[in-house]
Each structure stands twice: as structure tokens, then as C-alpha cells.
Amino acid sequence: MLLDYCIGRAASQIKEFYILPVGDKLIQYDAIAVNTIVKNKNNEVSSCDIRQSTDLDIFNLEYLTYTSQVAESCTDRDLSEESMVIGTSAIIDTEIDGAVGMHSGIFNNPFIIWGKYRKKFLRYYLPISFQFHHTQMDGAHAGRFLANLQNEIKLLNN
């Protein structure tokens, strides 16, 4: 939940995250949501979008409420009609250094994936892989997002 919160906060600071390439058009959104994958009661996965909030308590409450509902109902919660959705996936059973994917033309949303955290000496590290569509943003925007994400994580630790 905390990483999803930080992702939403970091993305909300960059205007390019509010734009989604769809076919030959760019769709402008007013809101951002973060998608999380939920293990449902059938031991399968469902998708759950959580609207980004500047308030950690509100985000946490909505995260817990909606992920529980999705897990029980096995029905995806989709906010893509009203929000630009940033995809996430945690593959916590393995260490990853990156994930490579190609945009299919269907899923053009930014996507962040991570695996197990690592401990080196007295510090913990969590490598992430970030994928985005170059019609939406370029490497400078992506770099700014990653710097914002690191900053949001540090702010939570203070």
C-alpha cells in the first residue's frame, strides 16, 4: 500500500502522467489512480484501481476497503473511465532486476513492477522496473518520476 501511495504521489507531480495514448489520440485525465493486483478468494488474481490521494490515511482506508472487496468478489475494480491508471505488480516470490514488455496497443499505461527487497549490510533495496509509452513521456519525464518516487519514499521514512 505504501509503495502504491508513493507511486501515485510521485506521478501526480508530472503532467505527462495525466495523458494516455489511445490509438492515434491522447486522452487527458483530471485524476490518477494506481492499480494493484489482488489475490482473490479463488487463489487467482483480480485487478483493483485505487484513486490517488494526497492524504495517506484516506488512501490507506480506500486501499484496504477496495482490495478486500475485490478479493472477496473476484470482480475487478476499474477506474479507467475517470482516471489515468498506473499499473503495478509485485512478484514478491522472486528477485527481479527488471521486466521487459512491449506495448500491445491495448495497454499503454505506465507500469511499475518489483520483486523481493534485498538487504545489503544495514540497508534495504527494492529494485523496480518502470515501463512507459514514449508518446506519453520521454526519458526526462521518466527520470523525474523516479526521482519523485524516491523522494516520496524518503518523506514517509522521516
Protein backbone atom coordinates (compact mmCIF):
# COMPACT_ATOMS: atom_id res chain seq x y z
CA MET A 1 0.00 0.00 0.00
CA LEU A 2 2.78 2.44 0.90
CA LEU A 3 4.60 1.96 -2.39
CA ASP A 4 1.36 2.39 -4.35
CA TYR A 5 0.70 5.59 -2.38
CA CYS A 6 4.19 6.91 -3.18
CA ILE A 7 3.78 5.98 -6.87
CA GLY A 8 0.54 7.97 -7.07
CA ARG A 9 2.08 10.96 -5.29
CA ALA A 10 5.19 10.93 -7.49
CA ALA A 11 3.18 10.61 -10.71
CA SER A 12 0.72 13.36 -9.77
CA GLN A 13 3.58 15.89 -9.90
CA ILE A 14 4.21 15.28 -13.60
CA LYS A 15 1.60 16.44 -16.12
CA GLU A 16 2.51 13.75 -18.65
CA PHE A 17 1.13 11.10 -16.28
CA TYR A 18 -2.36 12.52 -16.84
CA ILE A 19 -2.18 11.70 -20.57
CA LEU A 20 -2.87 8.29 -22.11
CA PRO A 21 -2.14 7.40 -25.74
CA VAL A 22 -5.13 5.55 -27.23
CA GLY A 23 -4.87 4.74 -30.92
CA ASP A 24 -3.93 7.96 -32.69
CA LYS A 25 -5.26 10.19 -29.88
CA LEU A 26 -4.07 11.40 -26.49
CA ILE A 27 -6.68 11.27 -23.72
CA GLN A 28 -6.28 13.87 -20.94
CA TYR A 29 -7.44 12.86 -17.44
CA ASP A 30 -8.05 15.01 -14.37
CA ALA A 31 -7.24 12.26 -11.86
CA ILE A 32 -4.70 9.49 -11.32
CA ALA A 33 -5.34 6.02 -9.93
CA VAL A 34 -2.87 3.29 -9.03
CA ASN A 35 -3.67 -0.28 -9.96
CA THR A 36 -2.76 -3.15 -7.70
CA ILE A 37 -3.11 -6.88 -8.26
CA VAL A 38 -5.10 -8.72 -5.60
CA LYS A 39 -5.08 -12.43 -4.80
CA ASN A 40 -8.77 -13.30 -4.68
CA LYS A 41 -10.69 -15.98 -2.76
CA ASN A 42 -10.30 -18.39 -5.71
CA ASN A 43 -6.48 -18.11 -5.47
CA GLU A 44 -6.45 -16.23 -8.75
CA VAL A 45 -5.67 -12.58 -9.35
CA SER A 46 -8.00 -9.64 -9.77
CA SER A 47 -7.27 -6.03 -10.59
CA CYS A 48 -8.05 -3.17 -8.22
CA ASP A 49 -7.70 0.54 -9.06
CA ILE A 50 -7.29 2.97 -6.15
CA ARG A 51 -7.71 6.71 -6.73
CA GLN A 52 -4.57 8.65 -5.82
CA SER A 53 -4.93 10.77 -2.70
CA THR A 54 -2.62 13.29 -1.07
CA ASP A 55 -3.83 12.02 2.31
CA LEU A 56 -2.16 8.77 3.42
CA ASP A 57 -5.00 7.85 5.81
CA ILE A 58 -7.64 8.21 3.09
CA PHE A 59 -5.54 6.25 0.59
CA ASN A 60 -4.94 3.50 3.17
CA LEU A 61 -8.64 3.24 4.03
CA GLU A 62 -9.66 3.05 0.37
CA TYR A 63 -6.86 0.57 -0.37
CA LEU A 64 -7.95 -1.76 2.43
CA THR A 65 -11.65 -1.40 1.61
CA TYR A 66 -11.41 -1.92 -2.13
CA THR A 67 -8.74 -4.65 -2.16
CA SER A 68 -10.85 -6.61 0.37
CA GLN A 69 -13.97 -6.18 -1.79
CA VAL A 70 -12.11 -7.26 -4.93
CA ALA A 71 -10.57 -10.27 -3.15
CA GLU A 72 -13.99 -11.41 -1.94
CA SER A 73 -16.00 -10.68 -5.09
CA CYS A 74 -13.35 -11.75 -7.65
CA THR A 75 -14.51 -8.71 -9.66
CA ASP A 76 -12.04 -6.14 -10.95
CA ARG A 77 -12.37 -2.53 -9.81
CA ASP A 78 -11.74 -0.44 -12.92
CA LEU A 79 -11.38 3.35 -12.76
CA SER A 80 -10.01 3.75 -16.30
CA GLU A 81 -13.04 5.72 -17.50
CA GLU A 82 -12.41 8.51 -14.98
CA SER A 83 -8.71 8.24 -14.07
CA MET A 84 -5.34 7.72 -15.69
CA VAL A 85 -4.36 4.36 -14.18
CA ILE A 86 -0.75 3.49 -13.38
CA GLY A 87 -0.25 -0.27 -13.37
CA THR A 88 1.74 -2.02 -10.68
CA SER A 89 2.63 -5.60 -9.91
CA ALA A 90 4.56 -7.13 -7.06
CA ILE A 91 6.17 -10.51 -7.70
CA ILE A 92 7.39 -10.95 -4.16
CA ASP A 93 8.44 -14.58 -4.54
CA THR A 94 11.47 -13.70 -6.65
CA GLU A 95 14.23 -11.16 -7.00
CA ILE A 96 14.00 -9.18 -10.22
CA ASP A 97 16.22 -6.53 -11.71
CA GLY A 98 13.84 -5.63 -14.49
CA ALA A 99 10.88 -6.71 -16.52
CA VAL A 100 10.69 -6.21 -20.24
CA GLY A 101 7.41 -5.83 -22.03
CA MET A 102 6.15 -4.34 -25.20
CA HIS A 103 3.17 -2.09 -25.53
CA SER A 104 0.45 -4.03 -27.26
CA GLY A 105 -1.57 -1.01 -28.29
CA ILE A 106 -4.17 -2.09 -25.73
CA PHE A 107 -2.25 -1.42 -22.50
CA ASN A 108 -0.39 1.85 -22.93
CA ASN A 109 -0.46 2.88 -19.28
CA PRO A 110 2.76 3.36 -17.33
CA PHE A 111 3.64 0.18 -15.47
CA ILE A 112 5.87 -0.50 -12.47
CA ILE A 113 6.88 -3.95 -11.25
CA TRP A 114 9.01 -5.14 -8.35
CA GLY A 115 10.01 -8.36 -6.62
CA LYS A 116 11.63 -9.14 -3.26
CA TYR A 117 13.53 -6.46 -1.44
CA ARG A 118 17.21 -7.06 -0.82
CA LYS A 119 19.33 -6.36 2.21
CA LYS A 120 22.93 -5.26 1.80
CA PHE A 121 24.77 -4.50 5.01
CA LEU A 122 22.38 -2.31 7.03
CA ARG A 123 20.23 -1.05 4.13
CA TYR A 124 17.28 -2.45 2.25
CA TYR A 125 16.90 -2.11 -1.53
CA LEU A 126 13.92 -2.66 -3.77
CA PRO A 127 14.78 -2.72 -7.47
CA ILE A 128 11.85 -1.66 -9.62
CA SER A 129 11.21 -1.84 -13.33
CA PHE A 130 9.35 1.05 -14.97
CA GLN A 131 7.78 0.93 -18.42
CA PHE A 132 6.08 3.80 -20.21
CA HIS A 133 4.88 4.78 -23.67
CA HIS A 134 7.12 7.28 -25.46
CA THR A 135 4.07 9.03 -26.91
CA GLN A 136 3.12 9.89 -23.35
CA MET A 137 6.52 10.93 -21.99
CA ASP A 138 10.23 10.79 -22.66
CA GLY A 139 13.21 9.69 -20.60
CA ALA A 140 13.49 13.05 -18.83
CA HIS A 141 9.91 12.75 -17.54
CA ALA A 142 10.54 9.14 -16.53
CA GLY A 143 13.70 10.14 -14.69
CA ARG A 144 11.85 12.93 -12.89
CA PHE A 145 9.14 10.45 -11.88
CA LEU A 146 11.73 8.02 -10.46
CA ALA A 147 13.42 10.86 -8.53
CA ASN A 148 9.99 11.94 -7.21
CA LEU A 149 9.23 8.35 -6.21
CA GLN A 150 12.49 8.08 -4.26
CA ASN A 151 11.72 11.41 -2.58
CA GLU A 152 8.19 10.30 -1.60
CA ILE A 153 9.61 7.11 -0.07
CA LYS A 154 12.16 9.14 1.91
CA LEU A 155 9.43 11.51 3.13
CA LEU A 156 7.50 8.55 4.58
CA ASN A 157 10.60 7.41 6.46
CA ASN A 158 11.04 10.76 8.21
